[in-house]
Amino acid sequence: MSLNLYSLIIKAANENNINITLEDIGRINNVINNLISRKTNVKWIENNISILL
């Protein structure tokens, strides 16, 4: 399953009124990819992406 990580990160930032830079998005993207490689449930990641912000 492929996630559209960038749009999920931007959407979560906008919903939480968080200013986010491309550098921040890249860092969060790396964390999410690490979680996926460790077999973390993708639905958990999608539902809790704002925690990673």
N, C-alpha and C. Protein backbone atom coordinates (compact mmCIF):
# COMPACT_ATOMS: atom_id res chain seq x y z
N MET A 1 0.84 -1.18 0.00
CA MET A 1 0.00 0.00 0.00
C MET A 1 0.88 1.24 0.00
N SER A 2 0.57 2.14 -0.84
CA SER A 2 1.34 3.37 -0.96
C SER A 2 0.56 4.51 -0.32
N LEU A 3 1.26 5.31 0.42
CA LEU A 3 0.65 6.49 1.04
C LEU A 3 1.10 7.73 0.29
N ASN A 4 0.21 8.68 0.16
CA ASN A 4 0.59 9.98 -0.37
C ASN A 4 1.01 10.81 0.84
N LEU A 5 2.25 10.60 1.27
CA LEU A 5 2.72 11.17 2.52
C LEU A 5 2.72 12.68 2.53
N TYR A 6 3.16 13.29 1.44
CA TYR A 6 3.26 14.74 1.45
C TYR A 6 1.91 15.40 1.67
N SER A 7 0.88 14.92 0.98
CA SER A 7 -0.43 15.55 1.16
C SER A 7 -1.00 15.26 2.54
N LEU A 8 -0.72 14.06 3.10
CA LEU A 8 -1.18 13.76 4.46
C LEU A 8 -0.51 14.67 5.48
N ILE A 9 0.78 14.89 5.31
CA ILE A 9 1.53 15.75 6.24
C ILE A 9 1.02 17.19 6.15
N ILE A 10 0.86 17.69 4.94
CA ILE A 10 0.38 19.07 4.75
C ILE A 10 -1.03 19.23 5.28
N LYS A 11 -1.90 18.26 5.02
CA LYS A 11 -3.27 18.32 5.51
C LYS A 11 -3.30 18.35 7.04
N ALA A 12 -2.51 17.48 7.68
CA ALA A 12 -2.47 17.45 9.15
C ALA A 12 -1.93 18.77 9.71
N ALA A 13 -0.92 19.33 9.07
CA ALA A 13 -0.37 20.61 9.53
C ALA A 13 -1.41 21.71 9.41
N ASN A 14 -2.11 21.75 8.29
CA ASN A 14 -3.15 22.77 8.11
C ASN A 14 -4.27 22.63 9.12
N GLU A 15 -4.69 21.39 9.40
CA GLU A 15 -5.78 21.15 10.35
C GLU A 15 -5.39 21.57 11.76
N ASN A 16 -4.09 21.51 12.07
CA ASN A 16 -3.62 21.86 13.41
C ASN A 16 -2.97 23.24 13.46
N ASN A 17 -3.16 24.03 12.39
CA ASN A 17 -2.59 25.38 12.32
C ASN A 17 -1.10 25.41 12.63
N ILE A 18 -0.36 24.49 12.00
CA ILE A 18 1.08 24.39 12.20
C ILE A 18 1.77 24.87 10.93
N ASN A 19 2.66 25.84 11.08
CA ASN A 19 3.48 26.28 9.95
C ASN A 19 4.55 25.21 9.73
N ILE A 20 4.68 24.76 8.50
CA ILE A 20 5.60 23.67 8.21
C ILE A 20 6.41 24.02 6.97
N THR A 21 7.70 23.70 7.01
CA THR A 21 8.58 23.96 5.87
C THR A 21 8.82 22.67 5.11
N LEU A 22 9.40 22.80 3.94
CA LEU A 22 9.74 21.61 3.16
C LEU A 22 10.74 20.73 3.90
N GLU A 23 11.64 21.35 4.65
CA GLU A 23 12.60 20.59 5.45
C GLU A 23 11.87 19.76 6.51
N ASP A 24 10.89 20.36 7.17
CA ASP A 24 10.09 19.64 8.16
C ASP A 24 9.34 18.48 7.52
N ILE A 25 8.75 18.73 6.36
CA ILE A 25 8.00 17.70 5.65
C ILE A 25 8.92 16.54 5.31
N GLY A 26 10.12 16.84 4.84
CA GLY A 26 11.09 15.80 4.51
C GLY A 26 11.48 14.98 5.73
N ARG A 27 11.68 15.65 6.86
CA ARG A 27 12.04 14.96 8.10
C ARG A 27 10.91 14.03 8.56
N ILE A 28 9.69 14.53 8.53
CA ILE A 28 8.53 13.72 8.92
C ILE A 28 8.34 12.56 7.95
N ASN A 29 8.54 12.81 6.67
CA ASN A 29 8.44 11.77 5.65
C ASN A 29 9.43 10.65 5.95
N ASN A 30 10.65 10.99 6.34
CA ASN A 30 11.66 9.98 6.67
C ASN A 30 11.23 9.15 7.88
N VAL A 31 10.65 9.80 8.88
CA VAL A 31 10.17 9.08 10.07
C VAL A 31 9.06 8.11 9.68
N ILE A 32 8.14 8.56 8.85
CA ILE A 32 7.03 7.70 8.42
C ILE A 32 7.55 6.52 7.61
N ASN A 33 8.48 6.78 6.70
CA ASN A 33 9.06 5.68 5.92
C ASN A 33 9.76 4.68 6.81
N ASN A 34 10.42 5.16 7.86
CA ASN A 34 11.06 4.27 8.83
C ASN A 34 10.02 3.42 9.54
N LEU A 35 8.91 4.03 9.94
CA LEU A 35 7.84 3.27 10.59
C LEU A 35 7.26 2.21 9.66
N ILE A 36 7.08 2.57 8.39
CA ILE A 36 6.55 1.62 7.42
C ILE A 36 7.51 0.46 7.22
N SER A 37 8.81 0.76 7.16
CA SER A 37 9.79 -0.32 6.98
C SER A 37 9.86 -1.24 8.19
N ARG A 38 9.44 -0.73 9.36
CA ARG A 38 9.40 -1.56 10.56
C ARG A 38 8.05 -2.25 10.73
N LYS A 39 7.23 -2.23 9.66
CA LYS A 39 5.94 -2.92 9.60
C LYS A 39 4.89 -2.33 10.53
N THR A 40 4.98 -1.02 10.79
CA THR A 40 3.94 -0.34 11.55
C THR A 40 2.68 -0.29 10.70
N ASN A 41 1.55 -0.51 11.32
CA ASN A 41 0.28 -0.52 10.61
C ASN A 41 0.05 0.82 9.91
N VAL A 42 -0.18 0.78 8.61
CA VAL A 42 -0.35 1.99 7.81
C VAL A 42 -1.57 2.79 8.27
N LYS A 43 -2.63 2.10 8.66
CA LYS A 43 -3.83 2.81 9.15
C LYS A 43 -3.52 3.59 10.42
N TRP A 44 -2.67 3.03 11.28
CA TRP A 44 -2.28 3.73 12.50
C TRP A 44 -1.53 5.01 12.13
N ILE A 45 -0.62 4.90 11.17
CA ILE A 45 0.13 6.07 10.72
C ILE A 45 -0.80 7.14 10.18
N GLU A 46 -1.74 6.73 9.32
CA GLU A 46 -2.69 7.69 8.74
C GLU A 46 -3.52 8.37 9.82
N ASN A 47 -3.97 7.62 10.81
CA ASN A 47 -4.84 8.17 11.85
C ASN A 47 -4.08 9.01 12.88
N ASN A 48 -2.78 8.84 12.97
CA ASN A 48 -2.00 9.53 14.00
C ASN A 48 -0.89 10.41 13.43
N ILE A 49 -1.02 10.82 12.20
CA ILE A 49 0.03 11.60 11.56
C ILE A 49 0.25 12.93 12.26
N SER A 50 -0.77 13.50 12.86
CA SER A 50 -0.60 14.79 13.56
C SER A 50 0.32 14.67 14.76
N ILE A 51 0.41 13.47 15.33
CA ILE A 51 1.34 13.26 16.45
C ILE A 51 2.78 13.44 15.99
N LEU A 52 3.06 13.04 14.77
CA LEU A 52 4.41 13.14 14.24
C LEU A 52 4.82 14.57 13.93
N LEU A 53 3.85 15.46 13.87
CA LEU A 53 4.16 16.87 13.61
C LEU A 53 4.74 17.51 14.85
